[in-house]
Amino acid sequence: MTWSLRREDATITEWERSDGYATVRLRERGDGRFVVRLDVMEQAVDARAYDRVLFDERDAAEERAGVWREEHDLDD
């Protein structure tokens, strides 16, 4: 399954998996740091998962978001 960009603005970038049961969100905090959040819902065919990681730099946060999308991609 593929991921699509669901939201992108000045503070939040969010991707949604094509089945609608998983999202990865990158958000800039008020202090200039970045939070990346993975949320795989209970109804998903893969195991439920939730994780949240804080980064000082956007590049590192974007890398983590990409890794999670790859790890939680499903075969069509």
PDB file of N, CA and C in Angstrom:
ATOM      1  N   MET A   1       0.856  -1.181   0.000  1.00  0.00           N
ATOM      2  CA  MET A   1       0.000   0.000   0.000  1.00  0.00           C
ATOM      3  C   MET A   1       0.886   1.222   0.000  1.00  0.00           C
ATOM      4  N   THR A   2       0.366   2.253  -0.526  1.00  0.00           N
ATOM      5  CA  THR A   2       1.151   3.466  -0.645  1.00  0.00           C
ATOM      6  C   THR A   2       0.746   4.488   0.407  1.00  0.00           C
ATOM      7  N   TRP A   3       1.623   5.420   0.607  1.00  0.00           N
ATOM      8  CA  TRP A   3       1.376   6.523   1.515  1.00  0.00           C
ATOM      9  C   TRP A   3       1.127   7.774   0.684  1.00  0.00           C
ATOM     10  N   SER A   4       0.226   8.619   1.159  1.00  0.00           N
ATOM     11  CA  SER A   4      -0.006   9.887   0.473  1.00  0.00           C
ATOM     12  C   SER A   4       0.096  11.027   1.483  1.00  0.00           C
ATOM     13  N   LEU A   5       0.513  12.162   0.979  1.00  0.00           N
ATOM     14  CA  LEU A   5       0.607  13.354   1.796  1.00  0.00           C
ATOM     15  C   LEU A   5      -0.806  13.842   2.078  1.00  0.00           C
ATOM     16  N   ARG A   6      -1.173  13.870   3.333  1.00  0.00           N
ATOM     17  CA  ARG A   6      -2.532  14.243   3.733  1.00  0.00           C
ATOM     18  C   ARG A   6      -2.618  15.710   4.131  1.00  0.00           C
ATOM     19  N   ARG A   7      -1.532  16.204   4.743  1.00  0.00           N
ATOM     20  CA  ARG A   7      -1.526  17.592   5.206  1.00  0.00           C
ATOM     21  C   ARG A   7      -0.095  18.110   5.182  1.00  0.00           C
ATOM     22  N   GLU A   8       0.044  19.350   4.738  1.00  0.00           N
ATOM     23  CA  GLU A   8       1.356  19.994   4.781  1.00  0.00           C
ATOM     24  C   GLU A   8       1.146  21.485   4.907  1.00  0.00           C
ATOM     25  N   ASP A   9       1.586  22.033   6.037  1.00  0.00           N
ATOM     26  CA  ASP A   9       1.502  23.474   6.254  1.00  0.00           C
ATOM     27  C   ASP A   9       2.758  23.921   6.998  1.00  0.00           C
ATOM     28  N   ALA A  10       2.730  25.081   7.589  1.00  0.00           N
ATOM     29  CA  ALA A  10       3.924  25.642   8.218  1.00  0.00           C
ATOM     30  C   ALA A  10       4.429  24.824   9.407  1.00  0.00           C
ATOM     31  N   THR A  11       3.548  24.082  10.077  1.00  0.00           N
ATOM     32  CA  THR A  11       3.972  23.348  11.270  1.00  0.00           C
ATOM     33  C   THR A  11       3.786  21.838  11.190  1.00  0.00           C
ATOM     34  N   ILE A  12       2.863  21.343  10.365  1.00  0.00           N
ATOM     35  CA  ILE A  12       2.548  19.910  10.345  1.00  0.00           C
ATOM     36  C   ILE A  12       2.654  19.341   8.935  1.00  0.00           C
ATOM     37  N   THR A  13       3.304  18.194   8.852  1.00  0.00           N
ATOM     38  CA  THR A  13       3.296  17.379   7.640  1.00  0.00           C
ATOM     39  C   THR A  13       2.795  16.012   8.062  1.00  0.00           C
ATOM     40  N   GLU A  14       1.760  15.501   7.382  1.00  0.00           N
ATOM     41  CA  GLU A  14       1.183  14.209   7.767  1.00  0.00           C
ATOM     42  C   GLU A  14       0.942  13.345   6.538  1.00  0.00           C
ATOM     43  N   TRP A  15       1.332  12.069   6.649  1.00  0.00           N
ATOM     44  CA  TRP A  15       1.110  11.084   5.603  1.00  0.00           C
ATOM     45  C   TRP A  15       0.102  10.064   6.106  1.00  0.00           C
ATOM     46  N   GLU A  16      -0.721   9.563   5.199  1.00  0.00           N
ATOM     47  CA  GLU A  16      -1.705   8.537   5.540  1.00  0.00           C
ATOM     48  C   GLU A  16      -1.513   7.341   4.612  1.00  0.00           C
ATOM     49  N   ARG A  17      -1.552   6.153   5.181  1.00  0.00           N
ATOM     50  CA  ARG A  17      -1.443   4.945   4.381  1.00  0.00           C
ATOM     51  C   ARG A  17      -2.744   4.750   3.612  1.00  0.00           C
ATOM     52  N   SER A  18      -2.657   4.137   2.435  1.00  0.00           N
ATOM     53  CA  SER A  18      -3.814   4.051   1.544  1.00  0.00           C
ATOM     54  C   SER A  18      -4.998   3.302   2.137  1.00  0.00           C
ATOM     55  N   ASP A  19      -4.786   2.431   3.140  1.00  0.00           N
ATOM     56  CA  ASP A  19      -5.919   1.750   3.766  1.00  0.00           C
ATOM     57  C   ASP A  19      -6.595   2.618   4.824  1.00  0.00           C
ATOM     58  N   GLY A  20      -5.986   3.774   5.140  1.00  0.00           N
ATOM     59  CA  GLY A  20      -6.572   4.699   6.111  1.00  0.00           C
ATOM     60  C   GLY A  20      -6.336   4.321   7.563  1.00  0.00           C
ATOM     61  N   TYR A  21      -5.613   3.241   7.827  1.00  0.00           N
ATOM     62  CA  TYR A  21      -5.425   2.762   9.197  1.00  0.00           C
ATOM     63  C   TYR A  21      -4.088   3.129   9.818  1.00  0.00           C
ATOM     64  N   ALA A  22      -3.281   3.932   9.139  1.00  0.00           N
ATOM     65  CA  ALA A  22      -1.993   4.330   9.695  1.00  0.00           C
ATOM     66  C   ALA A  22      -1.647   5.737   9.234  1.00  0.00           C
ATOM     67  N   THR A  23      -1.050   6.514  10.151  1.00  0.00           N
ATOM     68  CA  THR A  23      -0.578   7.852   9.826  1.00  0.00           C
ATOM     69  C   THR A  23       0.797   8.068  10.445  1.00  0.00           C
ATOM     70  N   VAL A  24       1.575   8.905   9.786  1.00  0.00           N
ATOM     71  CA  VAL A  24       2.847   9.392  10.316  1.00  0.00           C
ATOM     72  C   VAL A  24       2.770  10.912  10.246  1.00  0.00           C
ATOM     73  N   ARG A  25       3.029  11.559  11.379  1.00  0.00           N
ATOM     74  CA  ARG A  25       2.930  13.019  11.437  1.00  0.00           C
ATOM     75  C   ARG A  25       4.237  13.612  11.936  1.00  0.00           C
ATOM     76  N   LEU A  26       4.687  14.657  11.258  1.00  0.00           N
ATOM     77  CA  LEU A  26       5.857  15.424  11.658  1.00  0.00           C
ATOM     78  C   LEU A  26       5.350  16.814  12.019  1.00  0.00           C
ATOM     79  N   ARG A  27       5.695  17.269  13.226  1.00  0.00           N
ATOM     80  CA  ARG A  27       5.195  18.575  13.687  1.00  0.00           C
ATOM     81  C   ARG A  27       6.322  19.374  14.323  1.00  0.00           C
ATOM     82  N   GLU A  28       6.398  20.649  13.964  1.00  0.00           N
ATOM     83  CA  GLU A  28       7.361  21.533  14.618  1.00  0.00           C
ATOM     84  C   GLU A  28       6.740  22.083  15.896  1.00  0.00           C
ATOM     85  N   ARG A  29       7.471  21.957  16.982  1.00  0.00           N
ATOM     86  CA  ARG A  29       6.998  22.471  18.272  1.00  0.00           C
ATOM     87  C   ARG A  29       7.324  23.949  18.401  1.00  0.00           C
ATOM     88  N   GLY A  30       6.744  24.575  19.388  1.00  0.00           N
ATOM     89  CA  GLY A  30       6.989  25.996  19.642  1.00  0.00           C
ATOM     90  C   GLY A  30       8.427  26.316  19.985  1.00  0.00           C
ATOM     91  N   ASP A  31       9.156  25.343  20.542  1.00  0.00           N
ATOM     92  CA  ASP A  31      10.559  25.564  20.911  1.00  0.00           C
ATOM     93  C   ASP A  31      11.523  25.288  19.757  1.00  0.00           C
ATOM     94  N   GLY A  32      10.975  25.013  18.552  1.00  0.00           N
ATOM     95  CA  GLY A  32      11.815  24.788  17.384  1.00  0.00           C
ATOM     96  C   GLY A  32      12.262  23.351  17.186  1.00  0.00           C
ATOM     97  N   ARG A  33      11.901  22.462  18.102  1.00  0.00           N
ATOM     98  CA  ARG A  33      12.215  21.046  17.947  1.00  0.00           C
ATOM     99  C   ARG A  33      11.091  20.388  17.150  1.00  0.00           C
ATOM    100  N   PHE A  34      11.298  19.116  16.776  1.00  0.00           N
ATOM    101  CA  PHE A  34      10.358  18.420  15.899  1.00  0.00           C
ATOM    102  C   PHE A  34       9.925  17.098  16.521  1.00  0.00           C
ATOM    103  N   VAL A  35       8.633  16.818  16.442  1.00  0.00           N
ATOM    104  CA  VAL A  35       8.062  15.573  16.938  1.00  0.00           C
ATOM    105  C   VAL A  35       7.578  14.765  15.739  1.00  0.00           C
ATOM    106  N   VAL A  36       7.932  13.480  15.737  1.00  0.00           N
ATOM    107  CA  VAL A  36       7.402  12.576  14.725  1.00  0.00           C
ATOM    108  C   VAL A  36       6.567  11.543  15.462  1.00  0.00           C
ATOM    109  N   ARG A  37       5.351  11.302  14.950  1.00  0.00           N
ATOM    110  CA  ARG A  37       4.416  10.388  15.591  1.00  0.00           C
ATOM    111  C   ARG A  37       3.932   9.346  14.594  1.00  0.00           C
ATOM    112  N   LEU A  38       3.959   8.095  15.014  1.00  0.00           N
ATOM    113  CA  LEU A  38       3.413   6.980  14.242  1.00  0.00           C
ATOM    114  C   LEU A  38       2.156   6.501  14.940  1.00  0.00           C
ATOM    115  N   ASP A  39       1.078   6.314  14.184  1.00  0.00           N
ATOM    116  CA  ASP A  39      -0.162   5.782  14.751  1.00  0.00           C
ATOM    117  C   ASP A  39      -0.753   4.771  13.776  1.00  0.00           C
ATOM    118  N   VAL A  40      -0.734   3.497  14.187  1.00  0.00           N
ATOM    119  CA  VAL A  40      -1.366   2.426  13.412  1.00  0.00           C
ATOM    120  C   VAL A  40      -2.580   1.990  14.222  1.00  0.00           C
ATOM    121  N   MET A  41      -3.766   2.153  13.662  1.00  0.00           N
ATOM    122  CA  MET A  41      -5.012   1.902  14.379  1.00  0.00           C
ATOM    123  C   MET A  41      -5.263   0.403  14.603  1.00  0.00           C
ATOM    124  N   GLU A  42      -6.112   0.102  15.561  1.00  0.00           N
ATOM    125  CA  GLU A  42      -6.432  -1.277  15.916  1.00  0.00           C
ATOM    126  C   GLU A  42      -7.007  -2.078  14.764  1.00  0.00           C
ATOM    127  N   GLN A  43      -7.733  -1.447  13.864  1.00  0.00           N
ATOM    128  CA  GLN A  43      -8.383  -2.162  12.768  1.00  0.00           C
ATOM    129  C   GLN A  43      -7.403  -2.562  11.662  1.00  0.00           C
ATOM    130  N   ALA A  44      -6.168  -2.082  11.722  1.00  0.00           N
ATOM    131  CA  ALA A  44      -5.189  -2.353  10.669  1.00  0.00           C
ATOM    132  C   ALA A  44      -4.841  -3.834  10.621  1.00  0.00           C
ATOM    133  N   VAL A  45      -4.497  -4.315   9.414  1.00  0.00           N
ATOM    134  CA  VAL A  45      -4.131  -5.724   9.263  1.00  0.00           C
ATOM    135  C   VAL A  45      -2.784  -6.029   9.911  1.00  0.00           C
ATOM    136  N   ASP A  46      -1.918  -5.033  10.058  1.00  0.00           N
ATOM    137  CA  ASP A  46      -0.680  -5.238  10.793  1.00  0.00           C
ATOM    138  C   ASP A  46      -0.943  -4.894  12.258  1.00  0.00           C
ATOM    139  N   ALA A  47       0.011  -5.130  13.111  1.00  0.00           N
ATOM    140  CA  ALA A  47      -0.180  -4.927  14.546  1.00  0.00           C
ATOM    141  C   ALA A  47      -0.371  -3.448  14.884  1.00  0.00           C
ATOM    142  N   ARG A  48      -1.209  -3.188  15.901  1.00  0.00           N
ATOM    143  CA  ARG A  48      -1.422  -1.830  16.385  1.00  0.00           C
ATOM    144  C   ARG A  48      -0.089  -1.291  16.885  1.00  0.00           C
ATOM    145  N   ALA A  49       0.171  -0.017  16.601  1.00  0.00           N
ATOM    146  CA  ALA A  49       1.425   0.587  17.042  1.00  0.00           C
ATOM    147  C   ALA A  49       1.231   2.081  17.278  1.00  0.00           C
ATOM    148  N   TYR A  50       1.952   2.587  18.260  1.00  0.00           N
ATOM    149  CA  TYR A  50       1.992   4.023  18.494  1.00  0.00           C
ATOM    150  C   TYR A  50       3.396   4.345  18.999  1.00  0.00           C
ATOM    151  N   ASP A  51       3.990   5.362  18.438  1.00  0.00           N
ATOM    152  CA  ASP A  51       5.305   5.788  18.894  1.00  0.00           C
ATOM    153  C   ASP A  51       5.440   7.279  18.636  1.00  0.00           C
ATOM    154  N   ARG A  52       6.289   7.914  19.404  1.00  0.00           N
ATOM    155  CA  ARG A  52       6.496   9.358  19.294  1.00  0.00           C
ATOM    156  C   ARG A  52       7.950   9.627  19.647  1.00  0.00           C
ATOM    157  N   VAL A  53       8.646  10.366  18.784  1.00  0.00           N
ATOM    158  CA  VAL A  53      10.062  10.655  19.005  1.00  0.00           C
ATOM    159  C   VAL A  53      10.309  12.148  18.781  1.00  0.00           C
ATOM    160  N   LEU A  54      11.169  12.723  19.606  1.00  0.00           N
ATOM    161  CA  LEU A  54      11.501  14.140  19.542  1.00  0.00           C
ATOM    162  C   LEU A  54      12.898  14.321  18.942  1.00  0.00           C
ATOM    163  N   PHE A  55      13.044  15.282  18.011  1.00  0.00           N
ATOM    164  CA  PHE A  55      14.318  15.556  17.345  1.00  0.00           C
ATOM    165  C   PHE A  55      14.634  17.041  17.421  1.00  0.00           C
ATOM    166  N   ASP A  56      15.924  17.358  17.411  1.00  0.00           N
ATOM    167  CA  ASP A  56      16.366  18.755  17.390  1.00  0.00           C
ATOM    168  C   ASP A  56      16.361  19.329  15.978  1.00  0.00           C
ATOM    169  N   GLU A  57      16.525  18.468  14.969  1.00  0.00           N
ATOM    170  CA  GLU A  57      16.628  18.940  13.590  1.00  0.00           C
ATOM    171  C   GLU A  57      15.565  18.312  12.703  1.00  0.00           C
ATOM    172  N   ARG A  58      15.051  19.099  11.773  1.00  0.00           N
ATOM    173  CA  ARG A  58      13.998  18.626  10.872  1.00  0.00           C
ATOM    174  C   ARG A  58      14.475  17.461   9.995  1.00  0.00           C
ATOM    175  N   ASP A  59      15.712  17.524   9.515  1.00  0.00           N
ATOM    176  CA  ASP A  59      16.219  16.449   8.659  1.00  0.00           C
ATOM    177  C   ASP A  59      16.142  15.089   9.350  1.00  0.00           C
ATOM    178  N   ALA A  60      16.513  15.038  10.615  1.00  0.00           N
ATOM    179  CA  ALA A  60      16.452  13.781  11.373  1.00  0.00           C
ATOM    180  C   ALA A  60      15.003  13.337  11.555  1.00  0.00           C
ATOM    181  N   ALA A  61      14.109  14.284  11.782  1.00  0.00           N
ATOM    182  CA  ALA A  61      12.692  13.963  11.936  1.00  0.00           C
ATOM    183  C   ALA A  61      12.117  13.420  10.629  1.00  0.00           C
ATOM    184  N   GLU A  62      12.480  14.031   9.501  1.00  0.00           N
ATOM    185  CA  GLU A  62      12.005  13.555   8.205  1.00  0.00           C
ATOM    186  C   GLU A  62      12.532  12.158   7.904  1.00  0.00           C
ATOM    187  N   GLU A  63      13.768  11.894   8.305  1.00  0.00           N
ATOM    188  CA  GLU A  63      14.341  10.559   8.095  1.00  0.00           C
ATOM    189  C   GLU A  63      13.553   9.507   8.877  1.00  0.00           C
ATOM    190  N   ARG A  64      13.231   9.806  10.146  1.00  0.00           N
ATOM    191  CA  ARG A  64      12.449   8.870  10.967  1.00  0.00           C
ATOM    192  C   ARG A  64      11.072   8.653  10.357  1.00  0.00           C
ATOM    193  N   ALA A  65      10.436   9.705   9.878  1.00  0.00           N
ATOM    194  CA  ALA A  65       9.119   9.579   9.254  1.00  0.00           C
ATOM    195  C   ALA A  65       9.195   8.644   8.053  1.00  0.00           C
ATOM    196  N   GLY A  66      10.246   8.774   7.256  1.00  0.00           N
ATOM    197  CA  GLY A  66      10.424   7.906   6.097  1.00  0.00           C
ATOM    198  C   GLY A  66      10.646   6.454   6.474  1.00  0.00           C
ATOM    199  N   VAL A  67      11.431   6.231   7.518  1.00  0.00           N
ATOM    200  CA  VAL A  67      11.684   4.861   7.997  1.00  0.00           C
ATOM    201  C   VAL A  67      10.375   4.230   8.457  1.00  0.00           C
ATOM    202  N   TRP A  68       9.584   4.958   9.223  1.00  0.00           N
ATOM    203  CA  TRP A  68       8.309   4.400   9.698  1.00  0.00           C
ATOM    204  C   TRP A  68       7.369   4.096   8.543  1.00  0.00           C
ATOM    205  N   ARG A  69       7.333   4.954   7.533  1.00  0.00           N
ATOM    206  CA  ARG A  69       6.472   4.674   6.386  1.00  0.00           C
ATOM    207  C   ARG A  69       6.928   3.403   5.682  1.00  0.00           C
ATOM    208  N   GLU A  70       8.225   3.217   5.547  1.00  0.00           N
ATOM    209  CA  GLU A  70       8.735   1.985   4.921  1.00  0.00           C
ATOM    210  C   GLU A  70       8.419   0.759   5.775  1.00  0.00           C
ATOM    211  N   GLU A  71       8.637   0.858   7.083  1.00  0.00           N
ATOM    212  CA  GLU A  71       8.404  -0.270   7.980  1.00  0.00           C
ATOM    213  C   GLU A  71       6.935  -0.667   8.056  1.00  0.00           C
ATOM    214  N   HIS A  72       6.046   0.275   7.875  1.00  0.00           N
ATOM    215  CA  HIS A  72       4.613   0.014   8.026  1.00  0.00           C
ATOM    216  C   HIS A  72       3.866   0.068   6.710  1.00  0.00           C
ATOM    217  N   ASP A  73       4.603  -0.074   5.630  1.00  0.00           N
ATOM    218  CA  ASP A  73       3.979  -0.206   4.316  1.00  0.00           C
ATOM    219  C   ASP A  73       3.457  -1.631   4.193  1.00  0.00           C
ATOM    220  N   LEU A  74       2.361  -1.815   3.506  1.00  0.00           N
ATOM    221  CA  LEU A  74       1.791  -3.147   3.316  1.00  0.00           C
ATOM    222  C   LEU A  74       1.870  -3.527   1.851  1.00  0.00           C
ATOM    223  N   ASP A  75       2.091  -4.803   1.599  1.00  0.00           N
ATOM    224  CA  ASP A  75       2.086  -5.278   0.219  1.00  0.00           C
ATOM    225  C   ASP A  75       0.673  -5.207  -0.337  1.00  0.00           C
ATOM    226  N   ASP A  76       0.548  -4.790  -1.585  1.00  0.00           N
ATOM    227  CA  ASP A  76      -0.776  -4.737  -2.227  1.00  0.00           C
ATOM    228  C   ASP A  76      -1.290  -6.127  -2.524  1.00  0.00           C
TER     229      ASP A  76
END
